PDB file of N, CA and C in Angstrom:
ATOM      1  N   MET A   1     136.661  39.943  57.436  1.00  0.00           N
ATOM      2  CA  MET A   1     135.528  40.838  57.353  1.00  0.00           C
ATOM      3  C   MET A   1     135.208  41.150  55.887  1.00  0.00           C
ATOM      4  N   LYS A   2     136.232  41.545  55.127  1.00  0.00           N
ATOM      5  CA  LYS A   2     136.037  41.858  53.714  1.00  0.00           C
ATOM      6  C   LYS A   2     135.564  40.616  52.957  1.00  0.00           C
ATOM      7  N   ARG A   3     136.148  39.465  53.274  1.00  0.00           N
ATOM      8  CA  ARG A   3     135.776  38.206  52.631  1.00  0.00           C
ATOM      9  C   ARG A   3     134.306  37.871  52.900  1.00  0.00           C
ATOM     10  N   ASP A   4     133.848  38.055  54.146  1.00  0.00           N
ATOM     11  CA  ASP A   4     132.455  37.772  54.503  1.00  0.00           C
ATOM     12  C   ASP A   4     131.487  38.664  53.740  1.00  0.00           C
ATOM     13  N   LEU A   5     131.839  39.917  53.575  1.00  0.00           N
ATOM     14  CA  LEU A   5     130.992  40.852  52.821  1.00  0.00           C
ATOM     15  C   LEU A   5     130.895  40.423  51.361  1.00  0.00           C
ATOM     16  N   ILE A   6     132.019  40.046  50.785  1.00  0.00           N
ATOM     17  CA  ILE A   6     132.028  39.613  49.380  1.00  0.00           C
ATOM     18  C   ILE A   6     131.180  38.358  49.212  1.00  0.00           C
ATOM     19  N   ILE A   7     131.308  37.413  50.133  1.00  0.00           N
ATOM     20  CA  ILE A   7     130.517  36.182  50.053  1.00  0.00           C
ATOM     21  C   ILE A   7     129.031  36.494  50.165  1.00  0.00           C
ATOM     22  N   ALA A   8     128.661  37.319  51.132  1.00  0.00           N
ATOM     23  CA  ALA A   8     127.246  37.657  51.328  1.00  0.00           C
ATOM     24  C   ALA A   8     126.674  38.383  50.121  1.00  0.00           C
ATOM     25  N   GLU A   9     127.389  39.338  49.588  1.00  0.00           N
ATOM     26  CA  GLU A   9     126.887  40.106  48.446  1.00  0.00           C
ATOM     27  C   GLU A   9     126.843  39.275  47.172  1.00  0.00           C
ATOM     28  N   SER A  10     127.806  38.388  46.983  1.00  0.00           N
ATOM     29  CA  SER A  10     127.835  37.607  45.750  1.00  0.00           C
ATOM     30  C   SER A  10     126.746  36.542  45.720  1.00  0.00           C
ATOM     31  N   ARG A  11     126.179  36.197  46.855  1.00  0.00           N
ATOM     32  CA  ARG A  11     125.069  35.237  46.880  1.00  0.00           C
ATOM     33  C   ARG A  11     123.858  35.788  46.150  1.00  0.00           C
ATOM     34  N   ARG A  12     123.676  37.093  46.166  1.00  0.00           N
ATOM     35  CA  ARG A  12     122.550  37.696  45.460  1.00  0.00           C
ATOM     36  C   ARG A  12     123.051  38.538  44.292  1.00  0.00           C
ATOM     37  N   ASP A  13     124.075  38.038  43.667  1.00  0.00           N
ATOM     38  CA  ASP A  13     124.750  38.739  42.581  1.00  0.00           C
ATOM     39  C   ASP A  13     123.863  38.889  41.348  1.00  0.00           C
ATOM     40  N   ASP A  14     123.782  40.103  40.860  1.00  0.00           N
ATOM     41  CA  ASP A  14     123.108  40.358  39.593  1.00  0.00           C
ATOM     42  C   ASP A  14     124.130  40.867  38.591  1.00  0.00           C
ATOM     43  N   PHE A  15     125.360  40.536  38.792  1.00  0.00           N
ATOM     44  CA  PHE A  15     126.525  40.947  38.009  1.00  0.00           C
ATOM     45  C   PHE A  15     126.853  42.421  38.235  1.00  0.00           C
ATOM     46  N   GLY A  16     125.905  43.192  38.679  1.00  0.00           N
ATOM     47  CA  GLY A  16     126.153  44.600  38.966  1.00  0.00           C
ATOM     48  C   GLY A  16     127.074  44.780  40.157  1.00  0.00           C
ATOM     49  N   PHE A  17     126.959  43.901  41.153  1.00  0.00           N
ATOM     50  CA  PHE A  17     127.821  43.985  42.328  1.00  0.00           C
ATOM     51  C   PHE A  17     129.281  43.892  41.918  1.00  0.00           C
ATOM     52  N   ILE A  18     129.578  42.937  41.051  1.00  0.00           N
ATOM     53  CA  ILE A  18     130.967  42.741  40.624  1.00  0.00           C
ATOM     54  C   ILE A  18     131.461  43.937  39.828  1.00  0.00           C
ATOM     55  N   THR A  19     130.689  44.354  38.829  1.00  0.00           N
ATOM     56  CA  THR A  19     131.172  45.410  37.943  1.00  0.00           C
ATOM     57  C   THR A  19     131.171  46.790  38.587  1.00  0.00           C
ATOM     58  N   THR A  20     130.178  47.103  39.416  1.00  0.00           N
ATOM     59  CA  THR A  20     130.115  48.462  39.975  1.00  0.00           C
ATOM     60  C   THR A  20     130.781  48.598  41.330  1.00  0.00           C
ATOM     61  N   ILE A  21     130.648  47.604  42.199  1.00  0.00           N
ATOM     62  CA  ILE A  21     131.208  47.716  43.548  1.00  0.00           C
ATOM     63  C   ILE A  21     132.657  47.222  43.599  1.00  0.00           C
ATOM     64  N   VAL A  22     132.873  45.972  43.234  1.00  0.00           N
ATOM     65  CA  VAL A  22     134.209  45.381  43.366  1.00  0.00           C
ATOM     66  C   VAL A  22     135.195  45.992  42.382  1.00  0.00           C
ATOM     67  N   GLN A  23     134.803  46.084  41.108  1.00  0.00           N
ATOM     68  CA  GLN A  23     135.714  46.585  40.072  1.00  0.00           C
ATOM     69  C   GLN A  23     135.532  48.083  39.818  1.00  0.00           C
ATOM     70  N   ARG A  24     134.655  48.720  40.570  1.00  0.00           N
ATOM     71  CA  ARG A  24     134.418  50.164  40.529  1.00  0.00           C
ATOM     72  C   ARG A  24     134.129  50.692  39.125  1.00  0.00           C
ATOM     73  N   GLY A  25     133.462  49.885  38.305  1.00  0.00           N
ATOM     74  CA  GLY A  25     133.050  50.319  36.974  1.00  0.00           C
ATOM     75  C   GLY A  25     134.177  50.512  35.974  1.00  0.00           C
ATOM     76  N   LYS A  26     135.365  50.027  36.298  1.00  0.00           N
ATOM     77  CA  LYS A  26     136.526  50.218  35.421  1.00  0.00           C
ATOM     78  C   LYS A  26     136.499  49.252  34.239  1.00  0.00           C
ATOM     79  N   ASN A  27     137.178  49.635  33.175  1.00  0.00           N
ATOM     80  CA  ASN A  27     137.416  48.727  32.053  1.00  0.00           C
ATOM     81  C   ASN A  27     138.558  47.798  32.427  1.00  0.00           C
ATOM     82  N   ARG A  28     138.650  46.680  31.738  1.00  0.00           N
ATOM     83  CA  ARG A  28     139.698  45.698  32.033  1.00  0.00           C
ATOM     84  C   ARG A  28     141.079  46.303  31.828  1.00  0.00           C
ATOM     85  N   PRO A  29     141.914  46.297  32.885  1.00  0.00           N
ATOM     86  CA  PRO A  29     143.286  46.784  32.745  1.00  0.00           C
ATOM     87  C   PRO A  29     144.097  45.875  31.814  1.00  0.00           C
ATOM     88  N   LYS A  30     145.110  46.437  31.186  1.00  0.00           N
ATOM     89  CA  LYS A  30     145.936  45.697  30.226  1.00  0.00           C
ATOM     90  C   LYS A  30     146.722  44.559  30.859  1.00  0.00           C
ATOM     91  N   LYS A  31     146.950  44.616  32.167  1.00  0.00           N
ATOM     92  CA  LYS A  31     147.743  43.571  32.823  1.00  0.00           C
ATOM     93  C   LYS A  31     147.021  42.219  32.849  1.00  0.00           C
ATOM     94  N   PHE A  32     145.709  42.192  32.624  1.00  0.00           N
ATOM     95  CA  PHE A  32     144.940  40.952  32.579  1.00  0.00           C
ATOM     96  C   PHE A  32     144.977  40.413  31.158  1.00  0.00           C
ATOM     97  N   LYS A  33     145.916  39.498  30.887  1.00  0.00           N
ATOM     98  CA  LYS A  33     146.195  39.055  29.518  1.00  0.00           C
ATOM     99  C   LYS A  33     145.630  37.686  29.162  1.00  0.00           C
ATOM    100  N   HIS A  34     145.230  36.900  30.138  1.00  0.00           N
ATOM    101  CA  HIS A  34     144.776  35.529  29.894  1.00  0.00           C
ATOM    102  C   HIS A  34     143.310  35.426  30.298  1.00  0.00           C
ATOM    103  N   ASP A  35     142.465  34.863  29.425  1.00  0.00           N
ATOM    104  CA  ASP A  35     141.046  34.858  29.768  1.00  0.00           C
ATOM    105  C   ASP A  35     140.342  33.567  29.390  1.00  0.00           C
ATOM    106  N   ILE A  36     139.211  33.368  30.043  1.00  0.00           N
ATOM    107  CA  ILE A  36     138.299  32.255  29.781  1.00  0.00           C
ATOM    108  C   ILE A  36     136.922  32.875  29.566  1.00  0.00           C
ATOM    109  N   THR A  37     136.244  32.479  28.483  1.00  0.00           N
ATOM    110  CA  THR A  37     134.895  32.965  28.201  1.00  0.00           C
ATOM    111  C   THR A  37     133.954  31.771  28.206  1.00  0.00           C
ATOM    112  N   MET A  38     132.793  31.970  28.843  1.00  0.00           N
ATOM    113  CA  MET A  38     131.807  30.888  28.938  1.00  0.00           C
ATOM    114  C   MET A  38     130.403  31.477  28.928  1.00  0.00           C
ATOM    115  N   PRO A  39     129.404  30.650  28.632  1.00  0.00           N
ATOM    116  CA  PRO A  39     128.022  31.118  28.704  1.00  0.00           C
ATOM    117  C   PRO A  39     127.646  31.478  30.147  1.00  0.00           C
ATOM    118  N   ILE A  40     126.725  32.406  30.305  1.00  0.00           N
ATOM    119  CA  ILE A  40     126.321  32.851  31.640  1.00  0.00           C
ATOM    120  C   ILE A  40     125.767  31.694  32.467  1.00  0.00           C
ATOM    121  N   TYR A  41     124.980  30.814  31.851  1.00  0.00           N
ATOM    122  CA  TYR A  41     124.398  29.707  32.625  1.00  0.00           C
ATOM    123  C   TYR A  41     125.489  28.811  33.215  1.00  0.00           C
ATOM    124  N   LEU A  42     126.587  28.595  32.483  1.00  0.00           N
ATOM    125  CA  LEU A  42     127.681  27.772  32.997  1.00  0.00           C
ATOM    126  C   LEU A  42     128.415  28.508  34.111  1.00  0.00           C
ATOM    127  N   TYR A  43     128.642  29.804  33.942  1.00  0.00           N
ATOM    128  CA  TYR A  43     129.280  30.608  34.988  1.00  0.00           C
ATOM    129  C   TYR A  43     128.479  30.521  36.286  1.00  0.00           C
ATOM    130  N   GLU A  44     127.159  30.696  36.191  1.00  0.00           N
ATOM    131  CA  GLU A  44     126.322  30.666  37.391  1.00  0.00           C
ATOM    132  C   GLU A  44     126.360  29.289  38.063  1.00  0.00           C
ATOM    133  N   GLU A  45     126.351  28.243  37.270  1.00  0.00           N
ATOM    134  CA  GLU A  45     126.423  26.884  37.809  1.00  0.00           C
ATOM    135  C   GLU A  45     127.763  26.670  38.511  1.00  0.00           C
ATOM    136  N   LEU A  46     128.854  27.077  37.886  1.00  0.00           N
ATOM    137  CA  LEU A  46     130.186  26.913  38.468  1.00  0.00           C
ATOM    138  C   LEU A  46     130.338  27.744  39.742  1.00  0.00           C
ATOM    139  N   ARG A  47     129.773  28.934  39.738  1.00  0.00           N
ATOM    140  CA  ARG A  47     129.819  29.789  40.928  1.00  0.00           C
ATOM    141  C   ARG A  47     129.011  29.157  42.054  1.00  0.00           C
ATOM    142  N   ASN A  48     127.826  28.657  41.749  1.00  0.00           N
ATOM    143  CA  ASN A  48     126.980  28.049  42.777  1.00  0.00           C
ATOM    144  C   ASN A  48     127.577  26.766  43.339  1.00  0.00           C
ATOM    145  N   LYS A  49     128.342  26.034  42.532  1.00  0.00           N
ATOM    146  CA  LYS A  49     128.984  24.790  42.980  1.00  0.00           C
ATOM    147  C   LYS A  49     130.321  25.046  43.679  1.00  0.00           C
ATOM    148  N   GLY A  50     130.800  26.300  43.684  1.00  0.00           N
ATOM    149  CA  GLY A  50     132.056  26.630  44.344  1.00  0.00           C
ATOM    150  C   GLY A  50     133.289  26.420  43.483  1.00  0.00           C
ATOM    151  N   ILE A  51     133.105  26.119  42.206  1.00  0.00           N
ATOM    152  CA  ILE A  51     134.249  25.944  41.302  1.00  0.00           C
ATOM    153  C   ILE A  51     134.904  27.301  41.057  1.00  0.00           C
ATOM    154  N   ILE A  52     134.086  28.312  40.847  1.00  0.00           N
ATOM    155  CA  ILE A  52     134.576  29.688  40.727  1.00  0.00           C
ATOM    156  C   ILE A  52     134.352  30.351  42.077  1.00  0.00           C
ATOM    157  N   SER A  53     135.442  30.666  42.747  1.00  0.00           N
ATOM    158  CA  SER A  53     135.392  31.272  44.080  1.00  0.00           C
ATOM    159  C   SER A  53     135.627  32.770  43.955  1.00  0.00           C
ATOM    160  N   LEU A  54     134.535  33.513  43.853  1.00  0.00           N
ATOM    161  CA  LEU A  54     134.635  34.955  43.628  1.00  0.00           C
ATOM    162  C   LEU A  54     135.463  35.658  44.687  1.00  0.00           C
ATOM    163  N   GLU A  55     135.218  35.336  45.951  1.00  0.00           N
ATOM    164  CA  GLU A  55     135.880  36.066  47.025  1.00  0.00           C
ATOM    165  C   GLU A  55     137.396  35.947  46.958  1.00  0.00           C
ATOM    166  N   SER A  56     137.921  34.790  46.594  1.00  0.00           N
ATOM    167  CA  SER A  56     139.379  34.656  46.524  1.00  0.00           C
ATOM    168  C   SER A  56     139.952  35.492  45.378  1.00  0.00           C
ATOM    169  N   TYR A  57     139.242  35.568  44.259  1.00  0.00           N
ATOM    170  CA  TYR A  57     139.710  36.390  43.141  1.00  0.00           C
ATOM    171  C   TYR A  57     139.657  37.876  43.469  1.00  0.00           C
ATOM    172  N   PHE A  58     138.637  38.287  44.212  1.00  0.00           N
ATOM    173  CA  PHE A  58     138.486  39.706  44.533  1.00  0.00           C
ATOM    174  C   PHE A  58     139.484  40.162  45.582  1.00  0.00           C
ATOM    175  N   ILE A  59     139.732  39.323  46.565  1.00  0.00           N
ATOM    176  CA  ILE A  59     140.630  39.716  47.653  1.00  0.00           C
ATOM    177  C   ILE A  59     142.046  39.938  47.151  1.00  0.00           C
ATOM    178  N   ASP A  60     142.553  39.019  46.326  1.00  0.00           N
ATOM    179  CA  ASP A  60     143.917  39.214  45.827  1.00  0.00           C
ATOM    180  C   ASP A  60     143.956  39.908  44.464  1.00  0.00           C
ATOM    181  N   GLU A  61     142.789  40.320  43.964  1.00  0.00           N
ATOM    182  CA  GLU A  61     142.666  41.073  42.709  1.00  0.00           C
ATOM    183  C   GLU A  61     143.381  40.368  41.548  1.00  0.00           C
ATOM    184  N   SER A  62     143.202  39.045  41.470  1.00  0.00           N
ATOM    185  CA  SER A  62     143.878  38.256  40.442  1.00  0.00           C
ATOM    186  C   SER A  62     143.032  38.023  39.203  1.00  0.00           C
ATOM    187  N   ALA A  63     141.739  38.391  39.255  1.00  0.00           N
ATOM    188  CA  ALA A  63     140.861  38.170  38.109  1.00  0.00           C
ATOM    189  C   ALA A  63     139.991  39.396  37.867  1.00  0.00           C
ATOM    190  N   PHE A  64     139.609  39.571  36.615  1.00  0.00           N
ATOM    191  CA  PHE A  64     138.729  40.672  36.223  1.00  0.00           C
ATOM    192  C   PHE A  64     137.553  40.059  35.468  1.00  0.00           C
ATOM    193  N   PHE A  65     136.342  40.421  35.851  1.00  0.00           N
ATOM    194  CA  PHE A  65     135.135  39.843  35.279  1.00  0.00           C
ATOM    195  C   PHE A  65     134.450  40.826  34.342  1.00  0.00           C
ATOM    196  N   GLU A  66     134.013  40.311  33.175  1.00  0.00           N
ATOM    197  CA  GLU A  66     133.251  41.109  32.220  1.00  0.00           C
ATOM    198  C   GLU A  66     132.008  40.316  31.837  1.00  0.00           C
ATOM    199  N   PHE A  67     130.864  40.989  31.818  1.00  0.00           N
ATOM    200  CA  PHE A  67     129.592  40.338  31.537  1.00  0.00           C
ATOM    201  C   PHE A  67     128.942  40.958  30.311  1.00  0.00           C
ATOM    202  N   SER A  68     128.403  40.098  29.447  1.00  0.00           N
ATOM    203  CA  SER A  68     127.569  40.558  28.337  1.00  0.00           C
ATOM    204  C   SER A  68     126.215  39.883  28.521  1.00  0.00           C
ATOM    205  N   LEU A  69     125.343  40.010  27.554  1.00  0.00           N
ATOM    206  CA  LEU A  69     124.019  39.403  27.681  1.00  0.00           C
ATOM    207  C   LEU A  69     124.064  37.882  27.730  1.00  0.00           C
ATOM    208  N   SER A  70     125.052  37.288  27.068  1.00  0.00           N
ATOM    209  CA  SER A  70     125.076  35.834  26.994  1.00  0.00           C
ATOM    210  C   SER A  70     126.359  35.186  27.504  1.00  0.00           C
ATOM    211  N   GLU A  71     127.402  35.972  27.757  1.00  0.00           N
ATOM    212  CA  GLU A  71     128.698  35.393  28.136  1.00  0.00           C
ATOM    213  C   GLU A  71     129.340  36.117  29.307  1.00  0.00           C
ATOM    214  N   VAL A  72     130.227  35.386  29.959  1.00  0.00           N
ATOM    215  CA  VAL A  72     131.067  35.936  31.012  1.00  0.00           C
ATOM    216  C   VAL A  72     132.510  35.681  30.607  1.00  0.00           C
ATOM    217  N   THR A  73     133.347  36.702  30.725  1.00  0.00           N
ATOM    218  CA  THR A  73     134.778  36.554  30.481  1.00  0.00           C
ATOM    219  C   THR A  73     135.506  36.836  31.780  1.00  0.00           C
ATOM    220  N   ILE A  74     136.345  35.891  32.179  1.00  0.00           N
ATOM    221  CA  ILE A  74     137.175  36.058  33.369  1.00  0.00           C
ATOM    222  C   ILE A  74     138.612  36.170  32.886  1.00  0.00           C
ATOM    223  N   SER A  75     139.237  37.297  33.173  1.00  0.00           N
ATOM    224  CA  SER A  75     140.609  37.549  32.737  1.00  0.00           C
ATOM    225  C   SER A  75     141.551  37.465  33.933  1.00  0.00           C
ATOM    226  N   PHE A  76     142.746  36.958  33.676  1.00  0.00           N
ATOM    227  CA  PHE A  76     143.750  36.761  34.718  1.00  0.00           C
ATOM    228  C   PHE A  76     145.056  37.443  34.348  1.00  0.00           C
ATOM    229  N   ILE A  77     145.822  37.797  35.357  1.00  0.00           N
ATOM    230  CA  ILE A  77     147.157  38.353  35.156  1.00  0.00           C
ATOM    231  C   ILE A  77     148.118  37.221  34.791  1.00  0.00           C
ATOM    232  N   ASN A  78     148.022  36.125  35.542  1.00  0.00           N
ATOM    233  CA  ASN A  78     148.949  35.003  35.372  1.00  0.00           C
ATOM    234  C   ASN A  78     148.322  33.866  34.585  1.00  0.00           C
ATOM    235  N   LEU A  79     149.093  33.293  33.687  1.00  0.00           N
ATOM    236  CA  LEU A  79     148.647  32.148  32.914  1.00  0.00           C
ATOM    237  C   LEU A  79     148.303  30.978  33.827  1.00  0.00           C
ATOM    238  N   TYR A  80     149.080  30.795  34.894  1.00  0.00           N
ATOM    239  CA  TYR A  80     148.840  29.687  35.818  1.00  0.00           C
ATOM    240  C   TYR A  80     147.418  29.730  36.368  1.00  0.00           C
ATOM    241  N   GLU A  81     146.957  30.886  36.801  1.00  0.00           N
ATOM    242  CA  GLU A  81     145.615  30.996  37.375  1.00  0.00           C
ATOM    243  C   GLU A  81     144.537  30.702  36.343  1.00  0.00           C
ATOM    244  N   CYS A  82     144.757  31.133  35.119  1.00  0.00           N
ATOM    245  CA  CYS A  82     143.820  30.857  34.033  1.00  0.00           C
ATOM    246  C   CYS A  82     143.779  29.355  33.760  1.00  0.00           C
ATOM    247  N   GLU A  83     144.932  28.721  33.676  1.00  0.00           N
ATOM    248  CA  GLU A  83     145.014  27.282  33.441  1.00  0.00           C
ATOM    249  C   GLU A  83     144.397  26.493  34.598  1.00  0.00           C
ATOM    250  N   ASP A  84     144.599  26.975  35.820  1.00  0.00           N
ATOM    251  CA  ASP A  84     144.053  26.299  36.990  1.00  0.00           C
ATOM    252  C   ASP A  84     142.522  26.304  36.953  1.00  0.00           C
ATOM    253  N   LEU A  85     141.924  27.434  36.659  1.00  0.00           N
ATOM    254  CA  LEU A  85     140.460  27.495  36.563  1.00  0.00           C
ATOM    255  C   LEU A  85     139.966  26.639  35.401  1.00  0.00           C
ATOM    256  N   HIS A  86     140.665  26.688  34.283  1.00  0.00           N
ATOM    257  CA  HIS A  86     140.271  25.891  33.127  1.00  0.00           C
ATOM    258  C   HIS A  86     140.266  24.399  33.482  1.00  0.00           C
ATOM    259  N   ARG A  87     141.284  23.940  34.199  1.00  0.00           N
ATOM    260  CA  ARG A  87     141.359  22.546  34.631  1.00  0.00           C
ATOM    261  C   ARG A  87     140.213  22.200  35.572  1.00  0.00           C
ATOM    262  N   LYS A  88     139.893  23.095  36.497  1.00  0.00           N
ATOM    263  CA  LYS A  88     138.782  22.850  37.421  1.00  0.00           C
ATOM    264  C   LYS A  88     137.454  22.753  36.672  1.00  0.00           C
ATOM    265  N   ILE A  89     137.255  23.612  35.686  1.00  0.00           N
ATOM    266  CA  ILE A  89     136.029  23.569  34.886  1.00  0.00           C
ATOM    267  C   ILE A  89     135.958  22.264  34.102  1.00  0.00           C
ATOM    268  N   ASP A  90     137.055  21.880  33.448  1.00  0.00           N
ATOM    269  CA  ASP A  90     137.082  20.619  32.701  1.00  0.00           C
ATOM    270  C   ASP A  90     136.783  19.432  33.616  1.00  0.00           C
ATOM    271  N   HIS A  91     137.404  19.407  34.793  1.00  0.00           N
ATOM    272  CA  HIS A  91     137.187  18.335  35.758  1.00  0.00           C
ATOM    273  C   HIS A  91     135.715  18.260  36.142  1.00  0.00           C
ATOM    274  N   TYR A  92     135.104  19.392  36.452  1.00  0.00           N
ATOM    275  CA  TYR A  92     133.694  19.449  36.826  1.00  0.00           C
ATOM    276  C   TYR A  92     132.803  18.929  35.690  1.00  0.00           C
ATOM    277  N   LEU A  93     133.068  19.366  34.474  1.00  0.00           N
ATOM    278  CA  LEU A  93     132.230  18.963  33.338  1.00  0.00           C
ATOM    279  C   LEU A  93     132.361  17.474  33.024  1.00  0.00           C
ATOM    280  N   VAL A  94     133.572  16.925  33.132  1.00  0.00           N
ATOM    281  CA  VAL A  94     133.751  15.492  32.892  1.00  0.00           C
ATOM    282  C   VAL A  94     132.954  14.689  33.918  1.00  0.00           C
ATOM    283  N   ILE A  95     133.041  15.070  35.186  1.00  0.00           N
ATOM    284  CA  ILE A  95     132.286  14.364  36.225  1.00  0.00           C
ATOM    285  C   ILE A  95     130.784  14.526  36.004  1.00  0.00           C
ATOM    286  N   LYS A  96     130.361  15.715  35.623  1.00  0.00           N
ATOM    287  CA  LYS A  96     128.932  15.967  35.401  1.00  0.00           C
ATOM    288  C   LYS A  96     128.376  15.071  34.296  1.00  0.00           C
ATOM    289  N   PHE A  97     129.109  14.919  33.213  1.00  0.00           N
ATOM    290  CA  PHE A  97     128.605  14.160  32.075  1.00  0.00           C
ATOM    291  C   PHE A  97     128.972  12.675  32.102  1.00  0.00           C
ATOM    292  N   ALA A  98     130.101  12.323  32.713  1.00  0.00           N
ATOM    293  CA  ALA A  98     130.525  10.922  32.732  1.00  0.00           C
ATOM    294  C   ALA A  98     130.214  10.220  34.052  1.00  0.00           C
ATOM    295  N   GLY A  99     129.956  10.990  35.092  1.00  0.00           N
ATOM    296  CA  GLY A  99     129.667  10.390  36.389  1.00  0.00           C
ATOM    297  C   GLY A  99     130.876  10.214  37.287  1.00  0.00           C
ATOM    298  N   SER A 100     132.055  10.170  36.703  1.00  0.00           N
ATOM    299  CA  SER A 100     133.297  10.077  37.479  1.00  0.00           C
ATOM    300  C   SER A 100     134.434  10.605  36.614  1.00  0.00           C
ATOM    301  N   TYR A 101     135.570  10.800  37.251  1.00  0.00           N
ATOM    302  CA  TYR A 101     136.732  11.294  36.515  1.00  0.00           C
ATOM    303  C   TYR A 101     137.654  10.116  36.243  1.00  0.00           C
ATOM    304  N   PRO A 102     137.816   9.712  34.982  1.00  0.00           N
ATOM    305  CA  PRO A 102     138.523   8.468  34.669  1.00  0.00           C
ATOM    306  C   PRO A 102     140.049   8.562  34.667  1.00  0.00           C
ATOM    307  N   ILE A 103     140.606   9.714  34.830  1.00  0.00           N
ATOM    308  CA  ILE A 103     142.061   9.879  34.732  1.00  0.00           C
ATOM    309  C   ILE A 103     142.653   9.992  36.127  1.00  0.00           C
ATOM    310  N   LYS A 104     143.712   9.217  36.370  1.00  0.00           N
ATOM    311  CA  LYS A 104     144.432   9.294  37.646  1.00  0.00           C
ATOM    312  C   LYS A 104     145.836   9.768  37.351  1.00  0.00           C
ATOM    313  N   ARG A 105     146.314  10.626  38.202  1.00  0.00           N
ATOM    314  CA  ARG A 105     147.646  11.181  37.995  1.00  0.00           C
ATOM    315  C   ARG A 105     148.532  10.803  39.174  1.00  0.00           C
ATOM    316  N   GLY A 106     149.761  10.508  38.868  1.00  0.00           N
ATOM    317  CA  GLY A 106     150.716  10.154  39.913  1.00  0.00           C
ATOM    318  C   GLY A 106     152.104  10.654  39.534  1.00  0.00           C
ATOM    319  N   GLY A 107     153.047  10.348  40.373  1.00  0.00           N
ATOM    320  CA  GLY A 107     154.412  10.771  40.084  1.00  0.00           C
ATOM    321  C   GLY A 107     155.353  10.282  41.160  1.00  0.00           C
ATOM    322  N   ARG A 108     156.608  10.424  40.885  1.00  0.00           N
ATOM    323  CA  ARG A 108     157.643  10.069  41.848  1.00  0.00           C
ATOM    324  C   ARG A 108     158.500  11.294  42.100  1.00  0.00           C
ATOM    325  N   PHE A 109     158.729  11.527  43.354  1.00  0.00           N
ATOM    326  CA  PHE A 109     159.519  12.690  43.737  1.00  0.00           C
ATOM    327  C   PHE A 109     160.739  12.199  44.507  1.00  0.00           C
ATOM    328  N   PHE A 110     161.905  12.548  44.021  1.00  0.00           N
ATOM    329  CA  PHE A 110     163.148  12.108  44.661  1.00  0.00           C
ATOM    330  C   PHE A 110     163.810  13.259  45.359  1.00  0.00           C
TER     331      PHE A 110
END
C-alpha cells in the first residue's frame, strides 16, 4: 500500500513531494555519508527509465534526496548502495552512447 502511494505520487513529482512529504522537510542527517550528484535532467531521465527506483529508497529509508536549481544529490548510509547506483548509472550511460555494453564479467565459484 505504501509502495503504491509512493509510486503514484512520484510519477507527478515536482521534487516537493520528496522533500516535504517523504523526508518531512528535514535536513540531511549525518548518517548519510556517501553521495552522488548529477544534473536534474539526468536524474529525471534515470528516474523515468527506472534506473533510480524512488520507492525502494523511501521504503527502507536508505537514501536522502536534495534538490537545487540545477542538481540533485542522492546520499546513502552505506557505500555499497552508493556504488551500486553509480554502477547502474554508468551502465545506462555506456549503453545510451555506445549502443551496447562491451564489457562481460564472469567468475568461478568453488
